Amino acid sequence: MSRTAHIVRTTGETSVDVYVDLDGTDRAVEIATGVGFYDHMLHQLGKHGGFDLKIAVKGDLHIDAHHTMEDTAIALGQAFAEALGDKAGVVRFADASVPLDEVLARAVVDLSGRPYMVHEEPMDIAPMIGTDYPTSMTRHILESFAYHARICLHVTVLRSANPGQKPDAHHVIEAQFKALARALKSATRIDGTDIPSTKGVL
């Protein structure tokens, strides 16, 4: 059975078009949100998650990047929820730890159907990456995705710098997205036929 979804979300602030294939090849990853570093992070999600992922966004970037990033995360979460269907046969629980040089991040996923998010990262990272990615948005992106994908998600930065060094915001955030990608790849894998819950529904 195909595990794909196509979500179009249009508001007075953004127009978002998202396609995802959970059983893709990672060769079809095309991201264009207008926010360079965000594109880079979403590309990590598709590449390291093994998903085919196509995202095209037109947003009110003349104001700032907030609406564009938030609405993209909402539509992406909706696409994951739709592609997962009734979740019959999925592994459901998974975790992944990913190093990026001095940074170590961990993501833990439960495709529970109950949205929840816990996020821990250093408070002292730089406020911006480039000119258009506020680092404070990472938590909101992950939270918006988890809520609309209807998953429980814990993302923790276990180490952010060597002693005496300041954290590199780029590495801190990229490690989180890579860890999320690997955890989602494992959690969404088909490993049977039953719905993995004593309730019989997720």
N, C-alpha and C. Protein backbone atom coordinates (compact mmCIF):
# COMPACT_ATOMS: atom_id res chain seq x y z
N MET A 1 0.83 -1.18 0.00
CA MET A 1 0.00 0.00 0.00
C MET A 1 0.88 1.24 0.00
N SER A 2 0.53 2.19 -0.84
CA SER A 2 1.29 3.42 -0.93
C SER A 2 1.14 4.24 0.34
N ARG A 3 2.25 4.71 0.87
CA ARG A 3 2.22 5.57 2.05
C ARG A 3 2.70 6.97 1.64
N THR A 4 1.84 7.64 0.92
CA THR A 4 2.15 8.97 0.42
C THR A 4 1.08 9.95 0.86
N ALA A 5 1.40 11.22 0.79
CA ALA A 5 0.42 12.27 1.08
C ALA A 5 0.82 13.53 0.35
N HIS A 6 -0.19 14.27 -0.03
CA HIS A 6 0.02 15.58 -0.68
C HIS A 6 -0.88 16.58 0.05
N ILE A 7 -0.27 17.55 0.69
CA ILE A 7 -0.99 18.55 1.47
C ILE A 7 -0.75 19.93 0.87
N VAL A 8 -1.83 20.66 0.65
CA VAL A 8 -1.73 22.04 0.22
C VAL A 8 -2.40 22.89 1.30
N ARG A 9 -1.65 23.84 1.84
CA ARG A 9 -2.16 24.71 2.90
C ARG A 9 -2.00 26.16 2.44
N THR A 10 -3.11 26.85 2.33
CA THR A 10 -3.08 28.23 1.86
C THR A 10 -3.75 29.13 2.89
N THR A 11 -3.05 30.17 3.30
CA THR A 11 -3.59 31.17 4.23
C THR A 11 -3.31 32.56 3.65
N GLY A 12 -3.71 33.56 4.38
CA GLY A 12 -3.41 34.92 3.96
C GLY A 12 -1.95 35.28 4.10
N GLU A 13 -1.16 34.36 4.69
CA GLU A 13 0.27 34.62 4.93
C GLU A 13 1.19 33.74 4.10
N THR A 14 0.72 32.52 3.80
CA THR A 14 1.59 31.57 3.09
C THR A 14 0.79 30.67 2.16
N SER A 15 1.52 30.10 1.22
CA SER A 15 1.00 29.02 0.38
C SER A 15 2.02 27.89 0.44
N VAL A 16 1.59 26.74 0.98
CA VAL A 16 2.51 25.63 1.22
C VAL A 16 2.03 24.39 0.48
N ASP A 17 2.94 23.76 -0.24
CA ASP A 17 2.64 22.53 -0.98
C ASP A 17 3.66 21.48 -0.56
N VAL A 18 3.18 20.39 0.06
CA VAL A 18 4.06 19.35 0.59
C VAL A 18 3.65 17.99 0.04
N TYR A 19 4.62 17.24 -0.45
CA TYR A 19 4.41 15.84 -0.86
C TYR A 19 5.43 14.99 -0.12
N VAL A 20 4.96 13.87 0.43
CA VAL A 20 5.88 12.96 1.11
C VAL A 20 5.55 11.51 0.74
N ASP A 21 6.58 10.72 0.55
CA ASP A 21 6.47 9.28 0.36
C ASP A 21 7.36 8.64 1.42
N LEU A 22 6.73 8.00 2.38
CA LEU A 22 7.49 7.42 3.49
C LEU A 22 8.37 6.27 3.05
N ASP A 23 8.06 5.67 1.92
CA ASP A 23 8.84 4.54 1.41
C ASP A 23 9.64 4.96 0.18
N GLY A 24 10.07 6.19 0.19
CA GLY A 24 10.80 6.74 -0.95
C GLY A 24 12.24 6.27 -0.98
N THR A 25 13.00 6.94 -1.78
CA THR A 25 14.38 6.56 -2.02
C THR A 25 15.37 7.61 -1.54
N ASP A 26 14.88 8.73 -1.07
CA ASP A 26 15.62 9.92 -0.66
C ASP A 26 16.27 10.63 -1.85
N ARG A 27 16.03 10.12 -3.06
CA ARG A 27 16.57 10.77 -4.25
C ARG A 27 15.70 11.95 -4.68
N ALA A 28 14.42 11.89 -4.32
CA ALA A 28 13.49 12.95 -4.71
C ALA A 28 13.26 13.87 -3.53
N VAL A 29 14.24 14.68 -3.22
CA VAL A 29 14.12 15.66 -2.15
C VAL A 29 14.29 17.04 -2.78
N GLU A 30 13.19 17.79 -2.82
CA GLU A 30 13.20 19.11 -3.43
C GLU A 30 12.55 20.09 -2.45
N ILE A 31 13.32 21.03 -1.96
CA ILE A 31 12.85 21.94 -0.92
C ILE A 31 13.05 23.38 -1.38
N ALA A 32 11.99 24.18 -1.29
CA ALA A 32 12.11 25.60 -1.62
C ALA A 32 11.12 26.38 -0.76
N THR A 33 11.60 26.86 0.39
CA THR A 33 10.76 27.65 1.28
C THR A 33 11.08 29.14 1.21
N GLY A 34 12.21 29.47 0.61
CA GLY A 34 12.65 30.86 0.61
C GLY A 34 13.52 31.22 1.80
N VAL A 35 13.69 30.27 2.72
CA VAL A 35 14.55 30.47 3.90
C VAL A 35 15.70 29.46 3.78
N GLY A 36 16.88 29.95 3.45
CA GLY A 36 17.97 29.07 3.07
C GLY A 36 18.32 28.00 4.08
N PHE A 37 18.54 28.37 5.34
CA PHE A 37 18.94 27.38 6.33
C PHE A 37 17.81 26.39 6.61
N TYR A 38 16.57 26.86 6.57
CA TYR A 38 15.42 25.96 6.76
C TYR A 38 15.37 24.94 5.63
N ASP A 39 15.61 25.37 4.40
CA ASP A 39 15.68 24.43 3.28
C ASP A 39 16.73 23.36 3.56
N HIS A 40 17.87 23.79 4.06
CA HIS A 40 18.97 22.87 4.37
C HIS A 40 18.54 21.84 5.41
N MET A 41 17.81 22.27 6.45
CA MET A 41 17.37 21.36 7.49
C MET A 41 16.31 20.38 6.97
N LEU A 42 15.38 20.86 6.17
CA LEU A 42 14.34 19.98 5.62
C LEU A 42 14.94 18.99 4.64
N HIS A 43 15.98 19.40 3.96
CA HIS A 43 16.68 18.47 3.08
C HIS A 43 17.33 17.35 3.89
N GLN A 44 17.86 17.69 5.07
CA GLN A 44 18.41 16.66 5.96
C GLN A 44 17.32 15.66 6.35
N LEU A 45 16.13 16.18 6.61
CA LEU A 45 15.02 15.32 7.03
C LEU A 45 14.69 14.28 5.95
N GLY A 46 14.61 14.74 4.69
CA GLY A 46 14.31 13.82 3.61
C GLY A 46 15.46 12.86 3.35
N LYS A 47 16.67 13.39 3.28
CA LYS A 47 17.84 12.57 2.96
C LYS A 47 18.10 11.49 4.00
N HIS A 48 18.16 11.88 5.26
CA HIS A 48 18.53 10.94 6.30
C HIS A 48 17.34 10.12 6.80
N GLY A 49 16.12 10.57 6.47
CA GLY A 49 14.95 9.77 6.78
C GLY A 49 14.61 8.77 5.69
N GLY A 50 15.23 8.94 4.53
CA GLY A 50 14.94 8.04 3.41
C GLY A 50 13.59 8.30 2.77
N PHE A 51 13.08 9.52 2.95
CA PHE A 51 11.77 9.87 2.41
C PHE A 51 11.92 10.60 1.08
N ASP A 52 10.96 10.42 0.20
CA ASP A 52 10.81 11.35 -0.90
C ASP A 52 10.03 12.54 -0.36
N LEU A 53 10.57 13.72 -0.52
CA LEU A 53 9.99 14.90 0.11
C LEU A 53 10.09 16.09 -0.84
N LYS A 54 8.95 16.65 -1.15
CA LYS A 54 8.91 17.84 -2.00
C LYS A 54 8.12 18.92 -1.29
N ILE A 55 8.75 20.07 -1.11
CA ILE A 55 8.12 21.17 -0.39
C ILE A 55 8.35 22.46 -1.19
N ALA A 56 7.26 23.14 -1.50
CA ALA A 56 7.34 24.43 -2.18
C ALA A 56 6.48 25.42 -1.40
N VAL A 57 7.07 26.55 -1.04
CA VAL A 57 6.40 27.52 -0.17
C VAL A 57 6.58 28.93 -0.72
N LYS A 58 5.50 29.69 -0.68
CA LYS A 58 5.57 31.12 -0.91
C LYS A 58 4.99 31.79 0.33
N GLY A 59 5.82 32.56 1.01
CA GLY A 59 5.37 33.16 2.26
C GLY A 59 5.66 34.64 2.32
N ASP A 60 5.17 35.27 3.37
CA ASP A 60 5.34 36.71 3.55
C ASP A 60 6.70 37.03 4.17
N LEU A 61 7.74 36.69 3.44
CA LEU A 61 9.10 36.89 3.94
C LEU A 61 9.48 38.36 4.06
N HIS A 62 8.69 39.23 3.46
CA HIS A 62 8.95 40.65 3.63
C HIS A 62 8.64 41.10 5.07
N ILE A 63 7.87 40.27 5.79
CA ILE A 63 7.61 40.55 7.21
C ILE A 63 8.71 39.89 8.04
N ASP A 64 8.75 38.57 8.04
CA ASP A 64 9.85 37.78 8.58
C ASP A 64 9.60 36.33 8.18
N ALA A 65 10.41 35.42 8.70
CA ALA A 65 10.32 34.02 8.28
C ALA A 65 9.37 33.19 9.13
N HIS A 66 8.81 33.77 10.18
CA HIS A 66 8.03 32.99 11.15
C HIS A 66 6.88 32.23 10.49
N HIS A 67 6.02 32.94 9.76
CA HIS A 67 4.85 32.28 9.18
C HIS A 67 5.25 31.19 8.19
N THR A 68 6.27 31.45 7.42
CA THR A 68 6.73 30.47 6.43
C THR A 68 7.20 29.20 7.10
N MET A 69 7.99 29.33 8.14
CA MET A 69 8.53 28.14 8.82
C MET A 69 7.43 27.40 9.58
N GLU A 70 6.60 28.14 10.28
CA GLU A 70 5.52 27.53 11.05
C GLU A 70 4.55 26.78 10.15
N ASP A 71 4.07 27.42 9.09
CA ASP A 71 3.07 26.79 8.22
C ASP A 71 3.65 25.61 7.47
N THR A 72 4.93 25.67 7.12
CA THR A 72 5.58 24.52 6.50
C THR A 72 5.61 23.34 7.45
N ALA A 73 5.96 23.59 8.71
CA ALA A 73 6.00 22.51 9.70
C ALA A 73 4.61 21.92 9.93
N ILE A 74 3.58 22.76 9.94
CA ILE A 74 2.21 22.28 10.10
C ILE A 74 1.83 21.36 8.95
N ALA A 75 2.07 21.82 7.72
CA ALA A 75 1.70 21.02 6.54
C ALA A 75 2.52 19.73 6.47
N LEU A 76 3.78 19.81 6.84
CA LEU A 76 4.62 18.62 6.84
C LEU A 76 4.11 17.60 7.86
N GLY A 77 3.72 18.06 9.04
CA GLY A 77 3.15 17.16 10.03
C GLY A 77 1.86 16.52 9.53
N GLN A 78 1.01 17.32 8.91
CA GLN A 78 -0.24 16.79 8.35
C GLN A 78 0.03 15.73 7.29
N ALA A 79 1.06 15.97 6.48
CA ALA A 79 1.42 15.01 5.44
C ALA A 79 1.89 13.69 6.05
N PHE A 80 2.71 13.77 7.10
CA PHE A 80 3.17 12.54 7.76
C PHE A 80 1.99 11.78 8.35
N ALA A 81 1.08 12.49 9.01
CA ALA A 81 -0.08 11.82 9.62
C ALA A 81 -0.91 11.12 8.56
N GLU A 82 -1.14 11.79 7.43
CA GLU A 82 -1.94 11.18 6.37
C GLU A 82 -1.22 9.99 5.74
N ALA A 83 0.08 10.13 5.50
CA ALA A 83 0.84 9.04 4.88
C ALA A 83 0.92 7.81 5.79
N LEU A 84 0.93 8.01 7.09
CA LEU A 84 1.00 6.89 8.03
C LEU A 84 -0.30 6.09 8.08
N GLY A 85 -1.41 6.71 7.71
CA GLY A 85 -2.69 6.00 7.71
C GLY A 85 -3.04 5.47 9.08
N ASP A 86 -3.46 4.20 9.14
CA ASP A 86 -3.84 3.62 10.43
C ASP A 86 -2.63 3.07 11.20
N LYS A 87 -1.44 3.16 10.61
CA LYS A 87 -0.16 2.78 11.22
C LYS A 87 -0.03 1.27 11.43
N ALA A 88 -0.82 0.50 10.73
CA ALA A 88 -0.70 -0.95 10.85
C ALA A 88 0.69 -1.39 10.43
N GLY A 89 1.33 -2.17 11.31
CA GLY A 89 2.62 -2.76 11.00
C GLY A 89 3.83 -1.90 11.26
N VAL A 90 3.64 -0.64 11.65
CA VAL A 90 4.82 0.21 11.87
C VAL A 90 5.56 -0.21 13.14
N VAL A 91 6.84 0.12 13.18
CA VAL A 91 7.64 -0.16 14.38
C VAL A 91 7.12 0.65 15.56
N ARG A 92 6.71 1.88 15.32
CA ARG A 92 6.11 2.81 16.26
C ARG A 92 7.13 3.57 17.09
N PHE A 93 7.93 2.89 17.91
CA PHE A 93 8.90 3.56 18.77
C PHE A 93 10.29 3.52 18.14
N ALA A 94 11.02 4.61 18.23
CA ALA A 94 12.40 4.59 17.74
C ALA A 94 13.17 5.76 18.34
N ASP A 95 14.48 5.60 18.40
CA ASP A 95 15.32 6.70 18.83
C ASP A 95 16.59 6.70 17.99
N ALA A 96 17.22 7.84 17.93
CA ALA A 96 18.47 7.97 17.19
C ALA A 96 19.32 9.04 17.83
N SER A 97 20.61 8.75 17.95
CA SER A 97 21.58 9.73 18.42
C SER A 97 22.52 10.04 17.27
N VAL A 98 22.72 11.31 17.02
CA VAL A 98 23.52 11.74 15.89
C VAL A 98 24.58 12.75 16.35
N PRO A 99 25.86 12.46 16.05
CA PRO A 99 26.90 13.46 16.33
C PRO A 99 27.12 14.34 15.11
N LEU A 100 27.45 15.57 15.34
CA LEU A 100 27.92 16.47 14.28
C LEU A 100 29.11 17.22 14.86
N ASP A 101 30.27 16.65 14.63
CA ASP A 101 31.50 17.15 15.24
C ASP A 101 31.35 17.22 16.76
N GLU A 102 31.35 18.42 17.33
CA GLU A 102 31.32 18.55 18.79
C GLU A 102 29.93 18.39 19.39
N VAL A 103 28.90 18.33 18.56
CA VAL A 103 27.51 18.28 19.02
C VAL A 103 27.00 16.84 19.00
N LEU A 104 26.18 16.52 19.99
CA LEU A 104 25.50 15.22 20.02
C LEU A 104 24.03 15.47 20.33
N ALA A 105 23.16 15.03 19.44
CA ALA A 105 21.72 15.22 19.62
C ALA A 105 21.01 13.88 19.58
N ARG A 106 19.91 13.81 20.30
CA ARG A 106 19.12 12.58 20.36
C ARG A 106 17.66 12.90 20.12
N ALA A 107 17.00 12.09 19.31
CA ALA A 107 15.56 12.21 19.07
C ALA A 107 14.90 10.87 19.38
N VAL A 108 13.78 10.94 20.06
CA VAL A 108 13.00 9.75 20.41
C VAL A 108 11.57 9.99 19.94
N VAL A 109 11.04 9.00 19.22
CA VAL A 109 9.74 9.15 18.57
C VAL A 109 8.80 8.03 18.99
N ASP A 110 7.54 8.41 19.23
CA ASP A 110 6.46 7.44 19.40
C ASP A 110 5.31 7.89 18.50
N LEU A 111 4.96 7.05 17.55
CA LEU A 111 3.85 7.37 16.63
C LEU A 111 2.53 7.08 17.33
N SER A 112 2.32 7.76 18.43
CA SER A 112 1.28 7.39 19.39
C SER A 112 -0.11 7.87 19.02
N GLY A 113 -0.20 8.88 18.15
CA GLY A 113 -1.48 9.51 17.91
C GLY A 113 -1.81 10.57 18.96
N ARG A 114 -0.92 10.73 19.95
CA ARG A 114 -1.10 11.72 21.01
C ARG A 114 0.03 12.74 20.90
N PRO A 115 -0.25 13.94 20.41
CA PRO A 115 0.81 14.92 20.20
C PRO A 115 1.45 15.36 21.51
N TYR A 116 2.77 15.33 21.53
CA TYR A 116 3.50 15.84 22.69
C TYR A 116 4.93 16.10 22.24
N MET A 117 5.55 17.12 22.82
CA MET A 117 6.92 17.45 22.44
C MET A 117 7.71 17.95 23.63
N VAL A 118 8.91 17.40 23.79
CA VAL A 118 9.86 17.87 24.79
C VAL A 118 11.13 18.24 24.04
N HIS A 119 11.66 19.41 24.35
CA HIS A 119 12.80 19.91 23.59
C HIS A 119 13.81 20.54 24.53
N GLU A 120 15.06 20.14 24.40
CA GLU A 120 16.14 20.70 25.21
C GLU A 120 17.32 21.03 24.31
N GLU A 121 17.70 22.29 24.28
CA GLU A 121 18.90 22.71 23.56
C GLU A 121 19.55 23.83 24.36
N PRO A 122 20.80 24.15 24.07
CA PRO A 122 21.49 25.20 24.82
C PRO A 122 20.78 26.54 24.70
N MET A 123 20.81 27.31 25.77
CA MET A 123 20.20 28.63 25.77
C MET A 123 21.11 29.68 25.15
N ASP A 124 22.40 29.35 25.01
CA ASP A 124 23.37 30.39 24.64
C ASP A 124 23.83 30.29 23.19
N ILE A 125 23.02 29.69 22.32
CA ILE A 125 23.41 29.66 20.92
C ILE A 125 23.09 31.01 20.27
N ALA A 126 23.73 31.26 19.15
CA ALA A 126 23.53 32.54 18.45
C ALA A 126 22.05 32.71 18.09
N PRO A 127 21.53 33.94 18.14
CA PRO A 127 20.10 34.15 17.88
C PRO A 127 19.70 33.97 16.42
N MET A 128 20.65 34.09 15.49
CA MET A 128 20.32 33.97 14.07
C MET A 128 21.36 33.09 13.36
N ILE A 129 20.88 32.38 12.34
CA ILE A 129 21.78 31.73 11.39
C ILE A 129 21.52 32.40 10.05
N GLY A 130 22.55 32.95 9.47
CA GLY A 130 22.36 33.77 8.28
C GLY A 130 21.55 35.00 8.63
N THR A 131 20.74 35.42 7.68
CA THR A 131 19.93 36.63 7.90
C THR A 131 18.46 36.34 8.11
N ASP A 132 18.05 35.05 7.99
CA ASP A 132 16.61 34.79 7.98
C ASP A 132 16.15 33.62 8.84
N TYR A 133 17.05 32.97 9.57
CA TYR A 133 16.65 31.84 10.42
C TYR A 133 16.88 32.18 11.90
N PRO A 134 15.82 32.57 12.63
CA PRO A 134 15.95 32.79 14.07
C PRO A 134 16.07 31.43 14.77
N THR A 135 17.12 31.23 15.52
CA THR A 135 17.33 29.92 16.14
C THR A 135 16.25 29.58 17.16
N SER A 136 15.57 30.58 17.68
CA SER A 136 14.46 30.32 18.61
C SER A 136 13.30 29.60 17.94
N MET A 137 13.28 29.57 16.60
CA MET A 137 12.18 28.92 15.88
C MET A 137 12.30 27.41 15.84
N THR A 138 13.46 26.86 16.13
CA THR A 138 13.64 25.41 16.02
C THR A 138 12.64 24.67 16.89
N ARG A 139 12.51 25.10 18.12
CA ARG A 139 11.55 24.44 19.02
C ARG A 139 10.13 24.54 18.47
N HIS A 140 9.76 25.70 17.96
CA HIS A 140 8.40 25.88 17.44
C HIS A 140 8.17 25.04 16.19
N ILE A 141 9.17 24.91 15.35
CA ILE A 141 9.08 24.05 14.17
C ILE A 141 8.83 22.61 14.58
N LEU A 142 9.64 22.11 15.49
CA LEU A 142 9.49 20.72 15.94
C LEU A 142 8.15 20.49 16.63
N GLU A 143 7.74 21.46 17.43
CA GLU A 143 6.46 21.36 18.13
C GLU A 143 5.30 21.35 17.14
N SER A 144 5.33 22.23 16.15
CA SER A 144 4.26 22.29 15.15
C SER A 144 4.20 21.00 14.34
N PHE A 145 5.36 20.49 13.98
CA PHE A 145 5.41 19.22 13.24
C PHE A 145 4.84 18.08 14.08
N ALA A 146 5.31 17.95 15.32
CA ALA A 146 4.87 16.84 16.18
C ALA A 146 3.36 16.89 16.43
N TYR A 147 2.84 18.09 16.67
CA TYR A 147 1.42 18.23 16.96
C TYR A 147 0.58 17.77 15.76
N HIS A 148 0.94 18.21 14.58
CA HIS A 148 0.12 17.90 13.41
C HIS A 148 0.41 16.51 12.83
N ALA A 149 1.58 15.96 13.13
CA ALA A 149 1.84 14.56 12.78
C ALA A 149 1.22 13.62 13.80
N ARG A 150 0.80 14.17 14.92
CA ARG A 150 0.21 13.42 16.03
C ARG A 150 1.18 12.36 16.57
N ILE A 151 2.37 12.84 16.89
CA ILE A 151 3.39 11.97 17.45
C ILE A 151 3.90 12.55 18.76
N CYS A 152 4.49 11.69 19.57
CA CYS A 152 5.22 12.13 20.76
C CYS A 152 6.69 12.23 20.36
N LEU A 153 7.28 13.37 20.61
CA LEU A 153 8.65 13.62 20.17
C LEU A 153 9.48 14.25 21.29
N HIS A 154 10.62 13.64 21.58
CA HIS A 154 11.59 14.21 22.50
C HIS A 154 12.87 14.46 21.71
N VAL A 155 13.34 15.69 21.74
CA VAL A 155 14.61 16.03 21.09
C VAL A 155 15.50 16.71 22.12
N THR A 156 16.69 16.16 22.30
CA THR A 156 17.60 16.66 23.32
C THR A 156 19.00 16.83 22.74
N VAL A 157 19.59 17.97 22.97
CA VAL A 157 21.00 18.17 22.64
C VAL A 157 21.81 17.74 23.86
N LEU A 158 22.49 16.61 23.73
CA LEU A 158 23.21 16.02 24.85
C LEU A 158 24.55 16.72 25.09
N ARG A 159 25.16 17.18 24.01
CA ARG A 159 26.41 17.93 24.12
C ARG A 159 26.42 18.96 23.02
N SER A 160 26.85 20.18 23.34
CA SER A 160 26.80 21.24 22.34
C SER A 160 28.16 21.85 22.02
N ALA A 161 29.16 21.61 22.85
CA ALA A 161 30.47 22.21 22.59
C ALA A 161 31.51 21.53 23.46
N ASN A 162 32.75 21.62 23.04
CA ASN A 162 33.84 21.19 23.90
C ASN A 162 34.01 22.20 25.03
N PRO A 163 34.56 21.78 26.16
CA PRO A 163 34.74 22.70 27.29
C PRO A 163 35.48 23.96 26.87
N GLY A 164 34.94 25.10 27.31
CA GLY A 164 35.57 26.37 27.01
C GLY A 164 35.20 26.98 25.68
N GLN A 165 34.38 26.25 24.89
CA GLN A 165 33.96 26.76 23.59
C GLN A 165 32.49 27.14 23.61
N LYS A 166 32.11 28.08 22.73
CA LYS A 166 30.71 28.45 22.58
C LYS A 166 30.07 27.51 21.56
N PRO A 167 28.79 27.18 21.73
CA PRO A 167 28.11 26.28 20.79
C PRO A 167 28.03 26.91 19.40
N ASP A 168 28.16 26.05 18.40
CA ASP A 168 27.95 26.44 17.01
C ASP A 168 26.48 26.20 16.70
N ALA A 169 25.71 27.26 16.52
CA ALA A 169 24.26 27.13 16.33
C ALA A 169 23.92 26.25 15.13
N HIS A 170 24.69 26.38 14.06
CA HIS A 170 24.44 25.57 12.87
C HIS A 170 24.52 24.09 13.20
N HIS A 171 25.58 23.69 13.88
CA HIS A 171 25.74 22.28 14.25
C HIS A 171 24.68 21.82 15.23
N VAL A 172 24.36 22.68 16.20
CA VAL A 172 23.37 22.32 17.21
C VAL A 172 22.02 22.00 16.56
N ILE A 173 21.60 22.80 15.62
CA ILE A 173 20.29 22.61 15.00
C ILE A 173 20.33 21.49 13.96
N GLU A 174 21.39 21.44 13.19
CA GLU A 174 21.47 20.39 12.16
C GLU A 174 21.49 19.00 12.78
N ALA A 175 22.19 18.83 13.88
CA ALA A 175 22.22 17.53 14.54
C ALA A 175 20.82 17.11 15.00
N GLN A 176 20.01 18.07 15.43
CA GLN A 176 18.65 17.76 15.86
C GLN A 176 17.80 17.26 14.68
N PHE A 177 17.90 17.92 13.55
CA PHE A 177 17.11 17.51 12.40
C PHE A 177 17.56 16.15 11.87
N LYS A 178 18.86 15.89 11.90
CA LYS A 178 19.37 14.59 11.45
C LYS A 178 18.91 13.48 12.40
N ALA A 179 18.94 13.75 13.70
CA ALA A 179 18.48 12.76 14.66
C ALA A 179 16.99 12.49 14.48
N LEU A 180 16.21 13.54 14.27
CA LEU A 180 14.78 13.36 14.01
C LEU A 180 14.56 12.52 12.77
N ALA A 181 15.31 12.79 11.71
CA ALA A 181 15.17 12.04 10.47
C ALA A 181 15.42 10.55 10.69
N ARG A 182 16.49 10.24 11.39
CA ARG A 182 16.83 8.83 11.60
C ARG A 182 15.82 8.13 12.51
N ALA A 183 15.31 8.85 13.52
CA ALA A 183 14.30 8.26 14.40
C ALA A 183 13.00 8.01 13.63
N LEU A 184 12.60 8.97 12.80
CA LEU A 184 11.38 8.79 12.00
C LEU A 184 11.54 7.64 11.00
N LYS A 185 12.72 7.54 10.42
CA LYS A 185 12.97 6.46 9.47
C LYS A 185 12.73 5.10 10.13
N SER A 186 13.24 4.94 11.34
CA SER A 186 13.08 3.67 12.05
C SER A 186 11.65 3.46 12.55
N ALA A 187 11.03 4.51 13.09
CA ALA A 187 9.69 4.37 13.67
C ALA A 187 8.63 4.09 12.61
N THR A 188 8.80 4.64 11.41
CA THR A 188 7.79 4.47 10.37
C THR A 188 7.99 3.20 9.55
N ARG A 189 9.07 2.47 9.79
CA ARG A 189 9.35 1.26 9.02
C ARG A 189 8.27 0.19 9.28
N ILE A 190 7.90 -0.51 8.25
CA ILE A 190 6.92 -1.59 8.39
C ILE A 190 7.62 -2.85 8.87
N ASP A 191 7.08 -3.42 9.95
CA ASP A 191 7.71 -4.60 10.56
C ASP A 191 6.66 -5.61 11.00
N GLY A 192 5.54 -5.66 10.30
CA GLY A 192 4.47 -6.59 10.65
C GLY A 192 3.18 -6.17 10.00
N THR A 193 2.08 -6.61 10.58
CA THR A 193 0.77 -6.26 10.02
C THR A 193 -0.18 -5.66 11.05
N ASP A 194 0.07 -5.93 12.32
CA ASP A 194 -0.82 -5.45 13.37
C ASP A 194 -0.54 -3.99 13.73
N ILE A 195 -1.55 -3.34 14.28
CA ILE A 195 -1.36 -2.01 14.85
C ILE A 195 -0.67 -2.19 16.20
N PRO A 196 0.50 -1.58 16.40
CA PRO A 196 1.31 -1.83 17.60
C PRO A 196 0.78 -1.09 18.83
N SER A 197 -0.38 -1.50 19.31
CA SER A 197 -0.95 -0.92 20.51
C SER A 197 -1.95 -1.89 21.10
N THR A 198 -1.97 -2.00 22.44
CA THR A 198 -2.96 -2.85 23.09
C THR A 198 -4.37 -2.30 22.91
N LYS A 199 -4.47 -0.99 22.56
CA LYS A 199 -5.77 -0.39 22.30
C LYS A 199 -6.33 -0.83 20.96
N GLY A 200 -5.44 -1.26 20.07
CA GLY A 200 -5.89 -1.63 18.72
C GLY A 200 -6.00 -0.44 17.79
N VAL A 201 -5.59 0.73 18.24
CA VAL A 201 -5.65 1.93 17.41
C VAL A 201 -4.56 2.90 17.86
N LEU A 202 -4.01 3.62 16.91
CA LEU A 202 -3.03 4.66 17.22
C LEU A 202 -3.50 5.97 16.60
